[in-house]
PDB file of N, CA and C in Angstrom:
ATOM      1  N   MET A   1       4.427 -14.127   3.910  1.00  0.00           N
ATOM      2  CA  MET A   1       3.475 -13.267   3.419  1.00  0.00           C
ATOM      3  C   MET A   1       2.211 -13.357   4.398  1.00  0.00           C
ATOM      4  N   ILE A   2       1.703 -12.264   4.529  1.00  0.00           N
ATOM      5  CA  ILE A   2       0.483 -12.227   5.513  1.00  0.00           C
ATOM      6  C   ILE A   2      -0.828 -11.990   4.599  1.00  0.00           C
ATOM      7  N   TYR A   3      -1.786 -12.691   4.735  1.00  0.00           N
ATOM      8  CA  TYR A   3      -3.060 -12.541   4.019  1.00  0.00           C
ATOM      9  C   TYR A   3      -4.220 -12.382   4.939  1.00  0.00           C
ATOM     10  N   ALA A   4      -5.267 -11.662   4.541  1.00  0.00           N
ATOM     11  CA  ALA A   4      -6.496 -11.505   5.245  1.00  0.00           C
ATOM     12  C   ALA A   4      -7.603 -12.314   4.443  1.00  0.00           C
ATOM     13  N   GLN A   5      -8.337 -13.001   5.134  1.00  0.00           N
ATOM     14  CA  GLN A   5      -9.509 -13.795   4.613  1.00  0.00           C
ATOM     15  C   GLN A   5     -10.793 -12.832   4.927  1.00  0.00           C
ATOM     16  N   ILE A   6     -11.318 -12.372   3.907  1.00  0.00           N
ATOM     17  CA  ILE A   6     -12.350 -11.336   3.913  1.00  0.00           C
ATOM     18  C   ILE A   6     -13.788 -11.938   3.680  1.00  0.00           C
ATOM     19  N   LEU A   7     -14.807 -11.681   4.498  1.00  0.00           N
ATOM     20  CA  LEU A   7     -16.104 -12.204   4.205  1.00  0.00           C
ATOM     21  C   LEU A   7     -17.087 -11.037   4.584  1.00  0.00           C
ATOM     22  N   GLU A   8     -17.890 -10.628   3.661  1.00  0.00           N
ATOM     23  CA  GLU A   8     -18.836  -9.518   3.861  1.00  0.00           C
ATOM     24  C   GLU A   8     -18.166  -8.219   4.200  1.00  0.00           C
ATOM     25  N   ASN A   9     -17.098  -7.961   3.568  1.00  0.00           N
ATOM     26  CA  ASN A   9     -16.353  -6.725   3.716  1.00  0.00           C
ATOM     27  C   ASN A   9     -15.593  -6.582   5.119  1.00  0.00           C
ATOM     28  N   THR A  10     -15.425  -7.694   5.803  1.00  0.00           N
ATOM     29  CA  THR A  10     -14.741  -7.618   7.154  1.00  0.00           C
ATOM     30  C   THR A  10     -13.722  -8.779   7.173  1.00  0.00           C
ATOM     31  N   ILE A  11     -12.553  -8.419   7.769  1.00  0.00           N
ATOM     32  CA  ILE A  11     -11.426  -9.452   7.797  1.00  0.00           C
ATOM     33  C   ILE A  11     -11.874 -10.453   8.868  1.00  0.00           C
ATOM     34  N   GLN A  12     -12.039 -11.716   8.537  1.00  0.00           N
ATOM     35  CA  GLN A  12     -12.451 -12.690   9.385  1.00  0.00           C
ATOM     36  C   GLN A  12     -11.195 -13.471  10.000  1.00  0.00           C
ATOM     37  N   ASN A  13     -10.160 -13.450   9.387  1.00  0.00           N
ATOM     38  CA  ASN A  13      -8.879 -14.204   9.825  1.00  0.00           C
ATOM     39  C   ASN A  13      -7.677 -13.614   9.140  1.00  0.00           C
ATOM     40  N   VAL A  14      -6.523 -13.831   9.810  1.00  0.00           N
ATOM     41  CA  VAL A  14      -5.277 -13.383   9.124  1.00  0.00           C
ATOM     42  C   VAL A  14      -4.430 -14.626   9.133  1.00  0.00           C
ATOM     43  N   ILE A  15      -3.790 -14.835   8.046  1.00  0.00           N
ATOM     44  CA  ILE A  15      -2.944 -16.120   7.897  1.00  0.00           C
ATOM     45  C   ILE A  15      -1.557 -15.768   7.361  1.00  0.00           C
ATOM     46  N   VAL A  16      -0.579 -16.562   7.736  1.00  0.00           N
ATOM     47  CA  VAL A  16       0.809 -16.365   7.293  1.00  0.00           C
ATOM     48  C   VAL A  16       1.003 -17.541   6.316  1.00  0.00           C
ATOM     49  N   ILE A  17       1.410 -17.195   4.957  1.00  0.00           N
ATOM     50  CA  ILE A  17       1.746 -18.274   4.093  1.00  0.00           C
ATOM     51  C   ILE A  17       3.098 -18.050   3.528  1.00  0.00           C
ATOM     52  N   ASP A  18       3.854 -19.059   3.468  1.00  0.00           N
ATOM     53  CA  ASP A  18       5.289 -18.913   2.974  1.00  0.00           C
ATOM     54  C   ASP A  18       5.356 -19.211   1.497  1.00  0.00           C
ATOM     55  N   ASP A  19       4.420 -19.765   0.916  1.00  0.00           N
ATOM     56  CA  ASP A  19       4.383 -20.126  -0.518  1.00  0.00           C
ATOM     57  C   ASP A  19       3.121 -19.603  -1.106  1.00  0.00           C
ATOM     58  N   GLU A  20       3.261 -18.529  -1.899  1.00  0.00           N
ATOM     59  CA  GLU A  20       2.200 -17.835  -2.455  1.00  0.00           C
ATOM     60  C   GLU A  20       1.344 -18.731  -3.445  1.00  0.00           C
ATOM     61  N   SER A  21       1.909 -19.815  -3.951  1.00  0.00           N
ATOM     62  CA  SER A  21       1.267 -20.680  -4.845  1.00  0.00           C
ATOM     63  C   SER A  21       0.166 -21.544  -4.219  1.00  0.00           C
ATOM     64  N   ILE A  22       0.140 -21.516  -2.803  1.00  0.00           N
ATOM     65  CA  ILE A  22      -0.973 -22.241  -2.147  1.00  0.00           C
ATOM     66  C   ILE A  22      -2.171 -21.372  -1.539  1.00  0.00           C
ATOM     67  N   VAL A  23      -2.155 -20.152  -1.984  1.00  0.00           N
ATOM     68  CA  VAL A  23      -3.209 -19.304  -1.358  1.00  0.00           C
ATOM     69  C   VAL A  23      -4.556 -19.700  -1.736  1.00  0.00           C
ATOM     70  N   SER A  24      -4.738 -20.533  -2.817  1.00  0.00           N
ATOM     71  CA  SER A  24      -6.080 -20.948  -3.363  1.00  0.00           C
ATOM     72  C   SER A  24      -6.572 -22.007  -2.299  1.00  0.00           C
ATOM     73  N   LEU A  25      -5.690 -22.574  -1.515  1.00  0.00           N
ATOM     74  CA  LEU A  25      -6.204 -23.576  -0.483  1.00  0.00           C
ATOM     75  C   LEU A  25      -6.950 -22.806   0.675  1.00  0.00           C
ATOM     76  N   PHE A  26      -6.815 -21.534   0.713  1.00  0.00           N
ATOM     77  CA  PHE A  26      -7.338 -20.716   1.831  1.00  0.00           C
ATOM     78  C   PHE A  26      -8.555 -19.905   1.476  1.00  0.00           C
ATOM     79  N   VAL A  27      -9.202 -20.139   0.304  1.00  0.00           N
ATOM     80  CA  VAL A  27     -10.262 -19.291  -0.124  1.00  0.00           C
ATOM     81  C   VAL A  27     -11.682 -19.841   0.391  1.00  0.00           C
ATOM     82  N   VAL A  28     -11.628 -20.902   1.079  1.00  0.00           N
ATOM     83  CA  VAL A  28     -12.858 -21.407   1.788  1.00  0.00           C
ATOM     84  C   VAL A  28     -12.529 -21.758   3.168  1.00  0.00           C
ATOM     85  N   ASP A  29     -13.507 -21.372   3.989  1.00  0.00           N
ATOM     86  CA  ASP A  29     -13.403 -21.682   5.556  1.00  0.00           C
ATOM     87  C   ASP A  29     -13.312 -23.284   5.656  1.00  0.00           C
ATOM     88  N   PHE A  30     -12.272 -23.668   6.341  1.00  0.00           N
ATOM     89  CA  PHE A  30     -12.059 -25.082   6.485  1.00  0.00           C
ATOM     90  C   PHE A  30     -13.281 -25.722   7.207  1.00  0.00           C
ATOM     91  N   LEU A  31     -13.739 -25.077   8.322  1.00  0.00           N
ATOM     92  CA  LEU A  31     -14.767 -25.761   9.128  1.00  0.00           C
ATOM     93  C   LEU A  31     -16.213 -25.621   8.442  1.00  0.00           C
ATOM     94  N   THR A  32     -16.560 -24.527   8.063  1.00  0.00           N
ATOM     95  CA  THR A  32     -17.991 -24.302   7.559  1.00  0.00           C
ATOM     96  C   THR A  32     -18.043 -24.466   6.020  1.00  0.00           C
ATOM     97  N   GLN A  33     -16.896 -24.618   5.253  1.00  0.00           N
ATOM     98  CA  GLN A  33     -16.892 -24.669   3.904  1.00  0.00           C
ATOM     99  C   GLN A  33     -17.547 -23.400   3.136  1.00  0.00           C
ATOM    100  N   THR A  34     -17.639 -22.343   3.881  1.00  0.00           N
ATOM    101  CA  THR A  34     -18.130 -21.028   3.401  1.00  0.00           C
ATOM    102  C   THR A  34     -16.956 -20.396   2.574  1.00  0.00           C
ATOM    103  N   PRO A  35     -17.119 -19.980   1.268  1.00  0.00           N
ATOM    104  CA  PRO A  35     -16.083 -19.406   0.635  1.00  0.00           C
ATOM    105  C   PRO A  35     -15.901 -17.872   1.130  1.00  0.00           C
ATOM    106  N   TYR A  36     -14.718 -17.484   1.233  1.00  0.00           N
ATOM    107  CA  TYR A  36     -14.368 -16.071   1.446  1.00  0.00           C
ATOM    108  C   TYR A  36     -14.566 -15.253   0.262  1.00  0.00           C
ATOM    109  N   ASP A  37     -14.966 -14.068   0.455  1.00  0.00           N
ATOM    110  CA  ASP A  37     -15.164 -13.041  -0.729  1.00  0.00           C
ATOM    111  C   ASP A  37     -13.861 -12.813  -1.357  1.00  0.00           C
ATOM    112  N   ALA A  38     -12.834 -12.745  -0.510  1.00  0.00           N
ATOM    113  CA  ALA A  38     -11.482 -12.369  -1.083  1.00  0.00           C
ATOM    114  C   ALA A  38     -10.393 -12.808  -0.053  1.00  0.00           C
ATOM    115  N   VAL A  39      -9.225 -13.093  -0.513  1.00  0.00           N
ATOM    116  CA  VAL A  39      -8.014 -13.288   0.215  1.00  0.00           C
ATOM    117  C   VAL A  39      -7.038 -12.312  -0.246  1.00  0.00           C
ATOM    118  N   VAL A  40      -6.664 -11.412   0.538  1.00  0.00           N
ATOM    119  CA  VAL A  40      -5.914 -10.224   0.101  1.00  0.00           C
ATOM    120  C   VAL A  40      -4.537 -10.181   0.919  1.00  0.00           C
ATOM    121  N   ARG A  41      -3.454 -10.041   0.232  1.00  0.00           N
ATOM    122  CA  ARG A  41      -2.142  -9.903   0.826  1.00  0.00           C
ATOM    123  C   ARG A  41      -2.168  -8.616   1.593  1.00  0.00           C
ATOM    124  N   ILE A  42      -1.759  -8.540   2.849  1.00  0.00           N
ATOM    125  CA  ILE A  42      -1.771  -7.365   3.677  1.00  0.00           C
ATOM    126  C   ILE A  42      -0.397  -6.980   4.354  1.00  0.00           C
ATOM    127  N   ASP A  43       0.631  -7.769   4.076  1.00  0.00           N
ATOM    128  CA  ASP A  43       1.908  -7.469   4.739  1.00  0.00           C
ATOM    129  C   ASP A  43       2.480  -6.227   4.126  1.00  0.00           C
ATOM    130  N   ASN A  44       2.008  -5.765   2.911  1.00  0.00           N
ATOM    131  CA  ASN A  44       2.490  -4.600   2.241  1.00  0.00           C
ATOM    132  C   ASN A  44       1.634  -3.408   2.585  1.00  0.00           C
ATOM    133  N   VAL A  45       0.660  -3.519   3.462  1.00  0.00           N
ATOM    134  CA  VAL A  45      -0.157  -2.454   3.890  1.00  0.00           C
ATOM    135  C   VAL A  45       0.270  -1.751   5.168  1.00  0.00           C
ATOM    136  N   ASP A  46       0.342  -0.533   5.391  1.00  0.00           N
ATOM    137  CA  ASP A  46       0.829   0.166   6.512  1.00  0.00           C
ATOM    138  C   ASP A  46      -0.270   1.206   7.100  1.00  0.00           C
ATOM    139  N   PRO A  47      -0.871   0.975   8.334  1.00  0.00           N
ATOM    140  CA  PRO A  47      -0.612  -0.019   9.250  1.00  0.00           C
ATOM    141  C   PRO A  47      -1.172  -1.327   8.663  1.00  0.00           C
ATOM    142  N   THR A  48      -0.781  -2.459   9.220  1.00  0.00           N
ATOM    143  CA  THR A  48      -1.188  -3.772   8.735  1.00  0.00           C
ATOM    144  C   THR A  48      -2.594  -4.032   9.431  1.00  0.00           C
ATOM    145  N   PRO A  49      -3.569  -4.218   8.649  1.00  0.00           N
ATOM    146  CA  PRO A  49      -4.958  -4.429   9.166  1.00  0.00           C
ATOM    147  C   PRO A  49      -5.134  -5.740   9.841  1.00  0.00           C
ATOM    148  N   GLY A  50      -6.122  -5.915  10.753  1.00  0.00           N
ATOM    149  CA  GLY A  50      -6.230  -7.068  11.414  1.00  0.00           C
ATOM    150  C   GLY A  50      -7.728  -7.616  11.431  1.00  0.00           C
ATOM    151  N   ILE A  51      -8.040  -8.639  12.241  1.00  0.00           N
ATOM    152  CA  ILE A  51      -9.446  -9.170  12.261  1.00  0.00           C
ATOM    153  C   ILE A  51     -10.313  -8.037  12.808  1.00  0.00           C
ATOM    154  N   GLY A  52     -11.471  -7.891  12.064  1.00  0.00           N
ATOM    155  CA  GLY A  52     -12.449  -6.876  12.441  1.00  0.00           C
ATOM    156  C   GLY A  52     -12.375  -5.624  11.472  1.00  0.00           C
ATOM    157  N   TRP A  53     -11.245  -5.427  10.952  1.00  0.00           N
ATOM    158  CA  TRP A  53     -11.144  -4.259   9.885  1.00  0.00           C
ATOM    159  C   TRP A  53     -12.056  -4.527   8.772  1.00  0.00           C
ATOM    160  N   THR A  54     -12.490  -3.548   8.180  1.00  0.00           N
ATOM    161  CA  THR A  54     -13.280  -3.613   7.006  1.00  0.00           C
ATOM    162  C   THR A  54     -12.548  -3.357   5.785  1.00  0.00           C
ATOM    163  N   TYR A  55     -12.970  -3.751   4.607  1.00  0.00           N
ATOM    164  CA  TYR A  55     -12.268  -3.627   3.289  1.00  0.00           C
ATOM    165  C   TYR A  55     -13.416  -3.379   2.256  1.00  0.00           C
ATOM    166  N   ASP A  56     -13.229  -2.305   1.601  1.00  0.00           N
ATOM    167  CA  ASP A  56     -14.192  -1.896   0.578  1.00  0.00           C
ATOM    168  C   ASP A  56     -13.784  -2.289  -0.901  1.00  0.00           C
ATOM    169  N   GLY A  57     -12.750  -3.096  -0.936  1.00  0.00           N
ATOM    170  CA  GLY A  57     -12.240  -3.477  -2.235  1.00  0.00           C
ATOM    171  C   GLY A  57     -11.009  -2.713  -2.679  1.00  0.00           C
ATOM    172  N   THR A  58     -10.801  -1.608  -1.952  1.00  0.00           N
ATOM    173  CA  THR A  58      -9.638  -0.784  -2.259  1.00  0.00           C
ATOM    174  C   THR A  58      -8.999  -0.364  -1.011  1.00  0.00           C
ATOM    175  N   ASN A  59      -9.652  -0.016   0.046  1.00  0.00           N
ATOM    176  CA  ASN A  59      -9.107   0.496   1.303  1.00  0.00           C
ATOM    177  C   ASN A  59      -9.451  -0.352   2.415  1.00  0.00           C
ATOM    178  N   PHE A  60      -8.573  -0.425   3.475  1.00  0.00           N
ATOM    179  CA  PHE A  60      -8.880  -1.067   4.649  1.00  0.00           C
ATOM    180  C   PHE A  60      -9.096   0.031   5.696  1.00  0.00           C
ATOM    181  N   ASN A  61     -10.071  -0.205   6.604  1.00  0.00           N
ATOM    182  CA  ASN A  61     -10.519   0.719   7.654  1.00  0.00           C
ATOM    183  C   ASN A  61     -10.580  -0.014   9.056  1.00  0.00           C
ATOM    184  N   PRO A  62      -9.981   0.586  10.082  1.00  0.00           N
ATOM    185  CA  PRO A  62     -10.126  -0.075  11.332  1.00  0.00           C
ATOM    186  C   PRO A  62     -11.491  -0.149  11.996  1.00  0.00           C
ATOM    187  N   PRO A  63     -11.678  -1.039  12.884  1.00  0.00           N
ATOM    188  CA  PRO A  63     -13.033  -1.118  13.469  1.00  0.00           C
ATOM    189  C   PRO A  63     -13.390   0.175  14.091  1.00  0.00           C
ATOM    190  N   THR A  64     -14.688   0.445  14.090  1.00  0.00           N
ATOM    191  CA  THR A  64     -15.187   1.753  14.598  1.00  0.00           C
ATOM    192  C   THR A  64     -15.503   1.664  16.139  1.00  0.00           C
ATOM    193  N   GLY A  65     -15.483   0.483  16.693  1.00  0.00           N
ATOM    194  CA  GLY A  65     -15.695   0.435  18.175  1.00  0.00           C
ATOM    195  C   GLY A  65     -17.245   0.429  18.485  1.00  0.00           C
ATOM    196  N   ASP A  66     -18.083   0.111  17.479  1.00  0.00           N
ATOM    197  CA  ASP A  66     -19.505   0.018  17.725  1.00  0.00           C
ATOM    198  C   ASP A  66     -19.799  -1.155  18.717  1.00  0.00           C
TER     199      ASP A  66
END
């Protein structure tokens, strides 16, 4: 399963987790200890969003290229 770690409405990282029961281990940035706003499963989204995409709580949007 593929998950997006989201901070300030932007995907910061994409991770692959084989066991959904351990998702809670990935809700905080390991290095900075900053909690992510959300960790959302994205392997069921087409097209699959990636780093830099935004998320408004319902929809994913690709980077605008700014």
